[in-house]
């Protein structure tokens, strides 16, 4: 299933994409795409719903973040060898973990705001993992059973804030609009192998990132298992798993976002995001 949320900011309704590309209204079945609703039993019940009997959402509604009420937005850094190299950093011995503020989350096609004082706002296409049930001390062998599905994430970053403003990376990762997720949460059964997905990102029609999850240093199962050794993961938590090479910081000369730029990014089977950049 391709689950989504549509409507004005703060008033999103749950929906599902049918085989013909229509959005079907799920609000008569579930209250939101969030939390316990993402458990295996609830998803199995949804899969039994006759989509053809659900109302079609007319027009062209705004698409919101594909998960609501996210409790944790966890990110993995330096998880592609070529990206670590372009950043001038060694591959880590275990996953590098940081957080984005959940207030950064927005819809996949909402405008990206360059924060005040920014000089190096950058892009990062990433595979997002959405947790489906409480996860604590899980093994790698069982880790994927705790995943509800996957989505596209743009892990936007302000490099000057991130690297030169002291403390942890969170300063450069958490500005409002720095966490577009969606357009869909694609359930695990529909994705198949999460380590075999092509991904790309373009700015103003120029392709900067062109990679695959097959080159991740730590795969999905390893990441979920590793995180669960340090914190419990809850249904609806989102994990962003790192980016392939081609970020603005890695260009020669370095290239960063400016007002008026248009970003397009996507991952095979998980949909496409399109954002216009504005000054915050």
C-alpha atoms as a PDB file:
ATOM      1  CA  UNK A   1       0.000   0.000   0.000  1.00  0.00           C
ATOM      2  CA  UNK A   2       0.944   3.620  -0.575  1.00  0.00           C
ATOM      3  CA  UNK A   3      -0.361   5.496   2.459  1.00  0.00           C
ATOM      4  CA  UNK A   4      -0.432   9.274   2.562  1.00  0.00           C
ATOM      5  CA  UNK A   5      -1.870  12.308   4.290  1.00  0.00           C
ATOM      6  CA  UNK A   6      -3.544  15.157   2.409  1.00  0.00           C
ATOM      7  CA  UNK A   7      -5.048  18.541   3.136  1.00  0.00           C
ATOM      8  CA  UNK A   8      -4.028  21.867   4.724  1.00  0.00           C
ATOM      9  CA  UNK A   9      -1.162  22.029   7.206  1.00  0.00           C
ATOM     10  CA  UNK A  10      -2.343  20.738  10.569  1.00  0.00           C
ATOM     11  CA  UNK A  11      -5.612  19.424   9.136  1.00  0.00           C
ATOM     12  CA  UNK A  12      -4.317  16.493   7.095  1.00  0.00           C
ATOM     13  CA  UNK A  13      -6.555  13.476   6.506  1.00  0.00           C
ATOM     14  CA  UNK A  14      -5.404   9.892   5.940  1.00  0.00           C
ATOM     15  CA  UNK A  15      -5.473   8.525   2.430  1.00  0.00           C
ATOM     16  CA  UNK A  16      -4.274   5.701   0.225  1.00  0.00           C
ATOM     17  CA  UNK A  17      -3.200   5.687  -3.424  1.00  0.00           C
ATOM     18  CA  UNK A  18      -5.098   3.200  -5.579  1.00  0.00           C
ATOM     19  CA  UNK A  19      -3.726   1.365  -8.614  1.00  0.00           C
ATOM     20  CA  UNK A  20      -5.050   4.068 -10.959  1.00  0.00           C
ATOM     21  CA  UNK A  21      -3.241   6.881  -9.139  1.00  0.00           C
ATOM     22  CA  UNK A  22      -6.331   8.184  -7.354  1.00  0.00           C
ATOM     23  CA  UNK A  23      -6.196   9.272  -3.731  1.00  0.00           C
ATOM     24  CA  UNK A  24      -8.838   7.431  -1.718  1.00  0.00           C
ATOM     25  CA  UNK A  25     -10.058   8.894   1.570  1.00  0.00           C
ATOM     26  CA  UNK A  26      -9.265   6.663   4.565  1.00  0.00           C
ATOM     27  CA  UNK A  27     -10.728   8.939   7.243  1.00  0.00           C
ATOM     28  CA  UNK A  28     -13.740   6.649   7.637  1.00  0.00           C
ATOM     29  CA  UNK A  29     -11.398   3.764   8.434  1.00  0.00           C
ATOM     30  CA  UNK A  30      -8.519   5.279  10.457  1.00  0.00           C
ATOM     31  CA  UNK A  31      -8.014   8.645  12.132  1.00  0.00           C
ATOM     32  CA  UNK A  32      -4.450   9.209  10.881  1.00  0.00           C
ATOM     33  CA  UNK A  33      -1.352   7.562   9.444  1.00  0.00           C
ATOM     34  CA  UNK A  34       0.541   7.565  12.722  1.00  0.00           C
ATOM     35  CA  UNK A  35       1.500   5.688  15.861  1.00  0.00           C
ATOM     36  CA  UNK A  36      -0.164   2.385  16.662  1.00  0.00           C
ATOM     37  CA  UNK A  37      -2.082   2.454  13.387  1.00  0.00           C
ATOM     38  CA  UNK A  38       1.225   1.437  11.726  1.00  0.00           C
ATOM     39  CA  UNK A  39       1.370  -1.895  13.552  1.00  0.00           C
ATOM     40  CA  UNK A  40       1.309  -5.101  11.509  1.00  0.00           C
ATOM     41  CA  UNK A  41      -2.215  -6.094  12.576  1.00  0.00           C
ATOM     42  CA  UNK A  42      -3.652  -2.689  11.678  1.00  0.00           C
ATOM     43  CA  UNK A  43      -1.834  -2.601   8.344  1.00  0.00           C
ATOM     44  CA  UNK A  44      -3.129  -6.099   7.592  1.00  0.00           C
ATOM     45  CA  UNK A  45      -6.677  -4.893   8.247  1.00  0.00           C
ATOM     46  CA  UNK A  46      -6.131  -1.942   5.915  1.00  0.00           C
ATOM     47  CA  UNK A  47      -4.916  -4.279   3.200  1.00  0.00           C
ATOM     48  CA  UNK A  48      -8.264  -6.021   3.422  1.00  0.00           C
ATOM     49  CA  UNK A  49     -10.214  -2.818   2.723  1.00  0.00           C
ATOM     50  CA  UNK A  50     -11.888  -2.551  -0.692  1.00  0.00           C
ATOM     51  CA  UNK A  51     -10.191   0.564  -2.053  1.00  0.00           C
ATOM     52  CA  UNK A  52     -12.810   0.877  -4.762  1.00  0.00           C
ATOM     53  CA  UNK A  53     -15.443   1.465  -2.099  1.00  0.00           C
ATOM     54  CA  UNK A  54     -13.573   4.406  -0.573  1.00  0.00           C
ATOM     55  CA  UNK A  55     -14.346   7.981  -1.718  1.00  0.00           C
ATOM     56  CA  UNK A  56     -12.031   9.439  -4.342  1.00  0.00           C
ATOM     57  CA  UNK A  57     -10.413  12.699  -3.274  1.00  0.00           C
ATOM     58  CA  UNK A  58     -11.200  15.183  -6.013  1.00  0.00           C
ATOM     59  CA  UNK A  59      -8.959  17.975  -7.267  1.00  0.00           C
ATOM     60  CA  UNK A  60      -5.293  18.426  -6.472  1.00  0.00           C
ATOM     61  CA  UNK A  61      -4.982  18.600  -2.683  1.00  0.00           C
ATOM     62  CA  UNK A  62      -1.773  19.425  -0.871  1.00  0.00           C
ATOM     63  CA  UNK A  63       0.114  16.288   0.155  1.00  0.00           C
ATOM     64  CA  UNK A  64       1.317  16.401   3.746  1.00  0.00           C
ATOM     65  CA  UNK A  65       4.076  14.494   5.515  1.00  0.00           C
ATOM     66  CA  UNK A  66       3.268  10.808   5.081  1.00  0.00           C
ATOM     67  CA  UNK A  67       3.490  10.143   8.849  1.00  0.00           C
ATOM     68  CA  UNK A  68       1.759  12.226  11.492  1.00  0.00           C
ATOM     69  CA  UNK A  69       2.692  12.851  15.118  1.00  0.00           C
ATOM     70  CA  UNK A  70       6.281  11.644  14.653  1.00  0.00           C
ATOM     71  CA  UNK A  71       7.868  11.015  18.042  1.00  0.00           C
ATOM     72  CA  UNK A  72      11.509  10.728  16.961  1.00  0.00           C
ATOM     73  CA  UNK A  73      13.263  11.830  13.776  1.00  0.00           C
ATOM     74  CA  UNK A  74      16.562   9.936  13.883  1.00  0.00           C
ATOM     75  CA  UNK A  75      19.259  10.331  11.239  1.00  0.00           C
ATOM     76  CA  UNK A  76      22.331   8.353  10.231  1.00  0.00           C
ATOM     77  CA  UNK A  77      25.373  10.282   9.010  1.00  0.00           C
ATOM     78  CA  UNK A  78      28.194   9.335   6.637  1.00  0.00           C
ATOM     79  CA  UNK A  79      26.472   6.136   5.539  1.00  0.00           C
ATOM     80  CA  UNK A  80      27.666   6.057   1.920  1.00  0.00           C
ATOM     81  CA  UNK A  81      31.370   5.634   1.227  1.00  0.00           C
ATOM     82  CA  UNK A  82      31.491   8.192  -1.590  1.00  0.00           C
ATOM     83  CA  UNK A  83      29.607  10.783   0.473  1.00  0.00           C
ATOM     84  CA  UNK A  84      32.027  10.332   3.374  1.00  0.00           C
ATOM     85  CA  UNK A  85      34.896  10.848   0.917  1.00  0.00           C
ATOM     86  CA  UNK A  86      33.403  14.028  -0.561  1.00  0.00           C
ATOM     87  CA  UNK A  87      32.947  15.293   3.012  1.00  0.00           C
ATOM     88  CA  UNK A  88      36.608  14.577   3.750  1.00  0.00           C
ATOM     89  CA  UNK A  89      35.718  12.095   6.516  1.00  0.00           C
ATOM     90  CA  UNK A  90      36.461   8.429   7.195  1.00  0.00           C
ATOM     91  CA  UNK A  91      33.743   5.801   7.139  1.00  0.00           C
ATOM     92  CA  UNK A  92      32.596   5.199  10.716  1.00  0.00           C
ATOM     93  CA  UNK A  93      33.044   1.888  12.534  1.00  0.00           C
ATOM     94  CA  UNK A  94      29.406   2.006  13.662  1.00  0.00           C
ATOM     95  CA  UNK A  95      26.464   4.191  12.625  1.00  0.00           C
ATOM     96  CA  UNK A  96      26.780   7.930  13.300  1.00  0.00           C
ATOM     97  CA  UNK A  97      23.514   8.962  14.963  1.00  0.00           C
ATOM     98  CA  UNK A  98      21.970  12.423  15.262  1.00  0.00           C
ATOM     99  CA  UNK A  99      18.481  13.882  15.493  1.00  0.00           C
ATOM    100  CA  UNK A 100      16.442  16.407  13.568  1.00  0.00           C
ATOM    101  CA  UNK A 101      13.755  18.365  15.388  1.00  0.00           C
ATOM    102  CA  UNK A 102      10.312  17.024  14.506  1.00  0.00           C
ATOM    103  CA  UNK A 103       9.267  20.638  13.835  1.00  0.00           C
ATOM    104  CA  UNK A 104      11.394  20.388  10.665  1.00  0.00           C
ATOM    105  CA  UNK A 105       8.936  17.887   9.166  1.00  0.00           C
ATOM    106  CA  UNK A 106       6.781  19.081   6.286  1.00  0.00           C
ATOM    107  CA  UNK A 107       5.034  17.831   3.172  1.00  0.00           C
ATOM    108  CA  UNK A 108       7.046  16.592   0.193  1.00  0.00           C
ATOM    109  CA  UNK A 109       6.124  19.504  -2.053  1.00  0.00           C
ATOM    110  CA  UNK A 110       5.995  22.367   0.455  1.00  0.00           C
ATOM    111  CA  UNK A 111       8.430  25.263   0.049  1.00  0.00           C
ATOM    112  CA  UNK A 112      11.898  24.913   1.565  1.00  0.00           C
ATOM    113  CA  UNK A 113      12.839  27.957   3.638  1.00  0.00           C
ATOM    114  CA  UNK A 114      16.454  29.101   3.806  1.00  0.00           C
ATOM    115  CA  UNK A 115      16.945  30.015   7.475  1.00  0.00           C
ATOM    116  CA  UNK A 116      17.995  33.530   8.456  1.00  0.00           C
ATOM    117  CA  UNK A 117      21.769  33.889   8.475  1.00  0.00           C
ATOM    118  CA  UNK A 118      22.251  30.824   6.283  1.00  0.00           C
ATOM    119  CA  UNK A 119      25.097  30.791   3.785  1.00  0.00           C
ATOM    120  CA  UNK A 120      25.279  27.042   3.039  1.00  0.00           C
ATOM    121  CA  UNK A 121      21.841  25.404   2.781  1.00  0.00           C
ATOM    122  CA  UNK A 122      22.329  21.973   1.209  1.00  0.00           C
ATOM    123  CA  UNK A 123      20.293  18.995  -0.009  1.00  0.00           C
ATOM    124  CA  UNK A 124      20.397  15.245   0.735  1.00  0.00           C
ATOM    125  CA  UNK A 125      18.108  12.587  -0.767  1.00  0.00           C
ATOM    126  CA  UNK A 126      17.671   9.743   1.734  1.00  0.00           C
ATOM    127  CA  UNK A 127      15.726   6.547   2.314  1.00  0.00           C
ATOM    128  CA  UNK A 128      13.397   6.921   5.291  1.00  0.00           C
ATOM    129  CA  UNK A 129      12.443   3.999   7.528  1.00  0.00           C
ATOM    130  CA  UNK A 130       9.115   4.164   9.377  1.00  0.00           C
ATOM    131  CA  UNK A 131       8.903   2.019  12.505  1.00  0.00           C
ATOM    132  CA  UNK A 132       5.784  -0.136  12.919  1.00  0.00           C
ATOM    133  CA  UNK A 133       6.051  -1.522  16.438  1.00  0.00           C
ATOM    134  CA  UNK A 134       7.999  -0.974  19.631  1.00  0.00           C
ATOM    135  CA  UNK A 135      11.593  -1.974  19.023  1.00  0.00           C
ATOM    136  CA  UNK A 136      14.071  -2.627  21.817  1.00  0.00           C
ATOM    137  CA  UNK A 137      17.228  -4.740  21.710  1.00  0.00           C
ATOM    138  CA  UNK A 138      16.148  -6.304  18.417  1.00  0.00           C
ATOM    139  CA  UNK A 139      18.548  -8.497  16.442  1.00  0.00           C
ATOM    140  CA  UNK A 140      19.501  -7.748  12.850  1.00  0.00           C
ATOM    141  CA  UNK A 141      17.711 -10.960  11.838  1.00  0.00           C
ATOM    142  CA  UNK A 142      14.420  -9.701  13.277  1.00  0.00           C
ATOM    143  CA  UNK A 143      14.849  -5.968  12.665  1.00  0.00           C
ATOM    144  CA  UNK A 144      12.874  -5.722   9.412  1.00  0.00           C
ATOM    145  CA  UNK A 145       9.831  -7.221  11.145  1.00  0.00           C
ATOM    146  CA  UNK A 146       9.667  -3.953  13.102  1.00  0.00           C
ATOM    147  CA  UNK A 147       9.504  -1.777   9.966  1.00  0.00           C
ATOM    148  CA  UNK A 148       6.103  -0.558   8.750  1.00  0.00           C
ATOM    149  CA  UNK A 149       7.436   0.849   5.501  1.00  0.00           C
ATOM    150  CA  UNK A 150       9.668   3.330   3.730  1.00  0.00           C
ATOM    151  CA  UNK A 151       9.533   6.864   2.334  1.00  0.00           C
ATOM    152  CA  UNK A 152      11.602   9.567   0.663  1.00  0.00           C
ATOM    153  CA  UNK A 153      13.343  12.089   2.934  1.00  0.00           C
ATOM    154  CA  UNK A 154      15.173  15.275   1.966  1.00  0.00           C
ATOM    155  CA  UNK A 155      17.616  15.744   4.862  1.00  0.00           C
ATOM    156  CA  UNK A 156      18.192  19.441   4.258  1.00  0.00           C
ATOM    157  CA  UNK A 157      21.225  20.828   6.059  1.00  0.00           C
ATOM    158  CA  UNK A 158      22.809  24.185   6.783  1.00  0.00           C
ATOM    159  CA  UNK A 159      26.514  23.285   6.610  1.00  0.00           C
ATOM    160  CA  UNK A 160      27.857  26.382   8.339  1.00  0.00           C
ATOM    161  CA  UNK A 161      25.467  25.885  11.271  1.00  0.00           C
ATOM    162  CA  UNK A 162      26.208  22.152  11.258  1.00  0.00           C
ATOM    163  CA  UNK A 163      29.992  22.264  11.223  1.00  0.00           C
ATOM    164  CA  UNK A 164      31.078  25.664  12.553  1.00  0.00           C
ATOM    165  CA  UNK A 165      28.538  26.766  15.151  1.00  0.00           C
ATOM    166  CA  UNK A 166      29.717  24.474  17.968  1.00  0.00           C
ATOM    167  CA  UNK A 167      28.018  21.448  19.478  1.00  0.00           C
ATOM    168  CA  UNK A 168      26.198  18.712  17.647  1.00  0.00           C
ATOM    169  CA  UNK A 169      24.956  18.592  14.051  1.00  0.00           C
ATOM    170  CA  UNK A 170      21.388  19.253  15.172  1.00  0.00           C
ATOM    171  CA  UNK A 171      21.836  23.026  14.744  1.00  0.00           C
ATOM    172  CA  UNK A 172      22.349  22.599  11.019  1.00  0.00           C
ATOM    173  CA  UNK A 173      19.659  19.969  10.563  1.00  0.00           C
ATOM    174  CA  UNK A 174      16.572  21.249  12.356  1.00  0.00           C
ATOM    175  CA  UNK A 175      15.402  24.468  10.716  1.00  0.00           C
ATOM    176  CA  UNK A 176      11.707  24.648   9.852  1.00  0.00           C
ATOM    177  CA  UNK A 177      11.036  22.868   6.515  1.00  0.00           C
ATOM    178  CA  UNK A 178      14.327  20.900   6.687  1.00  0.00           C
ATOM    179  CA  UNK A 179      12.500  17.548   6.844  1.00  0.00           C
ATOM    180  CA  UNK A 180      10.194  16.861   3.880  1.00  0.00           C
ATOM    181  CA  UNK A 181       8.922  13.256   4.088  1.00  0.00           C
ATOM    182  CA  UNK A 182       6.742  11.448   1.570  1.00  0.00           C
ATOM    183  CA  UNK A 183       4.791  11.643  -0.687  1.00  0.00           C
ATOM    184  CA  UNK A 184       3.855   8.151   0.488  1.00  0.00           C
ATOM    185  CA  UNK A 185       4.640   5.657   3.172  1.00  0.00           C
ATOM    186  CA  UNK A 186       5.062   2.508   1.104  1.00  0.00           C
ATOM    187  CA  UNK A 187       4.476  -0.597   3.196  1.00  0.00           C
ATOM    188  CA  UNK A 188       7.322  -3.057   3.601  1.00  0.00           C
ATOM    189  CA  UNK A 189       5.638  -5.830   1.606  1.00  0.00           C
ATOM    190  CA  UNK A 190       5.414  -3.593  -1.462  1.00  0.00           C
ATOM    191  CA  UNK A 191       9.022  -2.385  -1.338  1.00  0.00           C
ATOM    192  CA  UNK A 192      10.761  -5.760  -1.203  1.00  0.00           C
ATOM    193  CA  UNK A 193      14.518  -5.338  -0.784  1.00  0.00           C
ATOM    194  CA  UNK A 194      15.254  -1.885   0.690  1.00  0.00           C
ATOM    195  CA  UNK A 195      18.916  -2.284  -0.325  1.00  0.00           C
ATOM    196  CA  UNK A 196      18.158  -2.245  -4.048  1.00  0.00           C
ATOM    197  CA  UNK A 197      16.468   1.111  -4.659  1.00  0.00           C
ATOM    198  CA  UNK A 198      17.713   3.744  -7.117  1.00  0.00           C
ATOM    199  CA  UNK A 199      17.645   7.344  -5.880  1.00  0.00           C
ATOM    200  CA  UNK A 200      18.316  10.781  -7.349  1.00  0.00           C
ATOM    201  CA  UNK A 201      18.175  14.523  -6.679  1.00  0.00           C
ATOM    202  CA  UNK A 202      18.130  17.443  -9.115  1.00  0.00           C
ATOM    203  CA  UNK A 203      18.342  21.196  -8.608  1.00  0.00           C
ATOM    204  CA  UNK A 204      16.958  23.362 -11.420  1.00  0.00           C
ATOM    205  CA  UNK A 205      16.987  20.325 -13.702  1.00  0.00           C
ATOM    206  CA  UNK A 206      20.658  19.492 -13.091  1.00  0.00           C
ATOM    207  CA  UNK A 207      21.220  16.070 -11.558  1.00  0.00           C
ATOM    208  CA  UNK A 208      23.575  16.183  -8.594  1.00  0.00           C
ATOM    209  CA  UNK A 209      22.815  12.901  -6.828  1.00  0.00           C
ATOM    210  CA  UNK A 210      22.382   9.613  -8.671  1.00  0.00           C
ATOM    211  CA  UNK A 211      22.817   6.648  -6.373  1.00  0.00           C
ATOM    212  CA  UNK A 212      21.414   3.457  -4.926  1.00  0.00           C
ATOM    213  CA  UNK A 213      20.663   2.133  -1.465  1.00  0.00           C
ATOM    214  CA  UNK A 214      22.821  -0.861  -2.461  1.00  0.00           C
ATOM    215  CA  UNK A 215      25.905   1.201  -1.563  1.00  0.00           C
ATOM    216  CA  UNK A 216      24.819   2.011   1.991  1.00  0.00           C
ATOM    217  CA  UNK A 217      27.627   1.300   4.477  1.00  0.00           C
ATOM    218  CA  UNK A 218      25.132   0.115   7.111  1.00  0.00           C
ATOM    219  CA  UNK A 219      21.923  -1.412   5.790  1.00  0.00           C
ATOM    220  CA  UNK A 220      18.384  -0.985   7.096  1.00  0.00           C
ATOM    221  CA  UNK A 221      18.434  -4.052   9.348  1.00  0.00           C
ATOM    222  CA  UNK A 222      21.765  -3.032  10.879  1.00  0.00           C
ATOM    223  CA  UNK A 223      20.558   0.521  11.528  1.00  0.00           C
ATOM    224  CA  UNK A 224      17.300  -0.522  13.200  1.00  0.00           C
ATOM    225  CA  UNK A 225      19.057  -3.116  15.344  1.00  0.00           C
ATOM    226  CA  UNK A 226      21.853  -0.717  16.295  1.00  0.00           C
ATOM    227  CA  UNK A 227      19.524   2.098  17.326  1.00  0.00           C
ATOM    228  CA  UNK A 228      17.417  -0.288  19.405  1.00  0.00           C
ATOM    229  CA  UNK A 229      20.428  -1.040  21.594  1.00  0.00           C
ATOM    230  CA  UNK A 230      20.485   2.598  22.747  1.00  0.00           C
ATOM    231  CA  UNK A 231      16.817   3.660  22.718  1.00  0.00           C
ATOM    232  CA  UNK A 232      13.438   2.078  22.184  1.00  0.00           C
ATOM    233  CA  UNK A 233      11.881   2.915  18.844  1.00  0.00           C
ATOM    234  CA  UNK A 234       8.147   3.564  18.742  1.00  0.00           C
ATOM    235  CA  UNK A 235       5.524   3.158  15.994  1.00  0.00           C
ATOM    236  CA  UNK A 236       5.676   6.174  13.715  1.00  0.00           C
ATOM    237  CA  UNK A 237       9.308   7.051  14.459  1.00  0.00           C
ATOM    238  CA  UNK A 238      11.200   8.002  11.281  1.00  0.00           C
ATOM    239  CA  UNK A 239      14.831   7.086  10.584  1.00  0.00           C
ATOM    240  CA  UNK A 240      16.687   8.815   7.749  1.00  0.00           C
ATOM    241  CA  UNK A 241      19.495   6.556   6.582  1.00  0.00           C
ATOM    242  CA  UNK A 242      22.135   8.749   4.943  1.00  0.00           C
ATOM    243  CA  UNK A 243      22.779  10.145   1.488  1.00  0.00           C
ATOM    244  CA  UNK A 244      24.811   9.144  -1.580  1.00  0.00           C
ATOM    245  CA  UNK A 245      27.432  11.511  -3.028  1.00  0.00           C
ATOM    246  CA  UNK A 246      26.530  14.699  -4.866  1.00  0.00           C
ATOM    247  CA  UNK A 247      25.573  17.118  -2.100  1.00  0.00           C
ATOM    248  CA  UNK A 248      26.294  20.807  -2.605  1.00  0.00           C
ATOM    249  CA  UNK A 249      29.162  20.772  -0.113  1.00  0.00           C
ATOM    250  CA  UNK A 250      30.914  18.173  -2.274  1.00  0.00           C
ATOM    251  CA  UNK A 251      30.802  20.198  -5.498  1.00  0.00           C
ATOM    252  CA  UNK A 252      33.820  22.064  -6.899  1.00  0.00           C
ATOM    253  CA  UNK A 253      33.140  24.881  -6.397  1.00  0.00           C
ATOM    254  CA  UNK A 254      30.688  24.240  -3.569  1.00  0.00           C
ATOM    255  CA  UNK A 255      27.084  24.905  -4.589  1.00  0.00           C
ATOM    256  CA  UNK A 256      24.264  25.780  -2.202  1.00  0.00           C
ATOM    257  CA  UNK A 257      20.564  26.489  -2.448  1.00  0.00           C
ATOM    258  CA  UNK A 258      19.216  29.996  -3.048  1.00  0.00           C
ATOM    259  CA  UNK A 259      15.723  31.490  -3.273  1.00  0.00           C
ATOM    260  CA  UNK A 260      13.983  30.513  -6.484  1.00  0.00           C
ATOM    261  CA  UNK A 261      15.778  27.175  -6.871  1.00  0.00           C
ATOM    262  CA  UNK A 262      13.642  24.140  -7.623  1.00  0.00           C
ATOM    263  CA  UNK A 263      14.499  20.745  -6.126  1.00  0.00           C
ATOM    264  CA  UNK A 264      13.278  17.375  -7.389  1.00  0.00           C
ATOM    265  CA  UNK A 265      14.201  14.093  -5.701  1.00  0.00           C
ATOM    266  CA  UNK A 266      12.927  10.554  -5.702  1.00  0.00           C
ATOM    267  CA  UNK A 267      13.540   6.942  -4.787  1.00  0.00           C
ATOM    268  CA  UNK A 268      12.496   3.961  -6.870  1.00  0.00           C
ATOM    269  CA  UNK A 269       8.964   2.899  -5.938  1.00  0.00           C
ATOM    270  CA  UNK A 270       8.654   5.512  -3.173  1.00  0.00           C
ATOM    271  CA  UNK A 271       7.619   8.553  -5.194  1.00  0.00           C
ATOM    272  CA  UNK A 272       8.981  12.004  -6.007  1.00  0.00           C
ATOM    273  CA  UNK A 273       9.264  15.262  -4.057  1.00  0.00           C
ATOM    274  CA  UNK A 274       9.314  18.710  -5.681  1.00  0.00           C
ATOM    275  CA  UNK A 275      10.171  21.825  -3.662  1.00  0.00           C
ATOM    276  CA  UNK A 276      10.730  25.499  -4.404  1.00  0.00           C
ATOM    277  CA  UNK A 277      13.275  27.325  -2.272  1.00  0.00           C
ATOM    278  CA  UNK A 278      12.275  30.577  -0.553  1.00  0.00           C
ATOM    279  CA  UNK A 279      13.918  32.886   1.954  1.00  0.00           C
ATOM    280  CA  UNK A 280      12.804  32.224   5.516  1.00  0.00           C
END
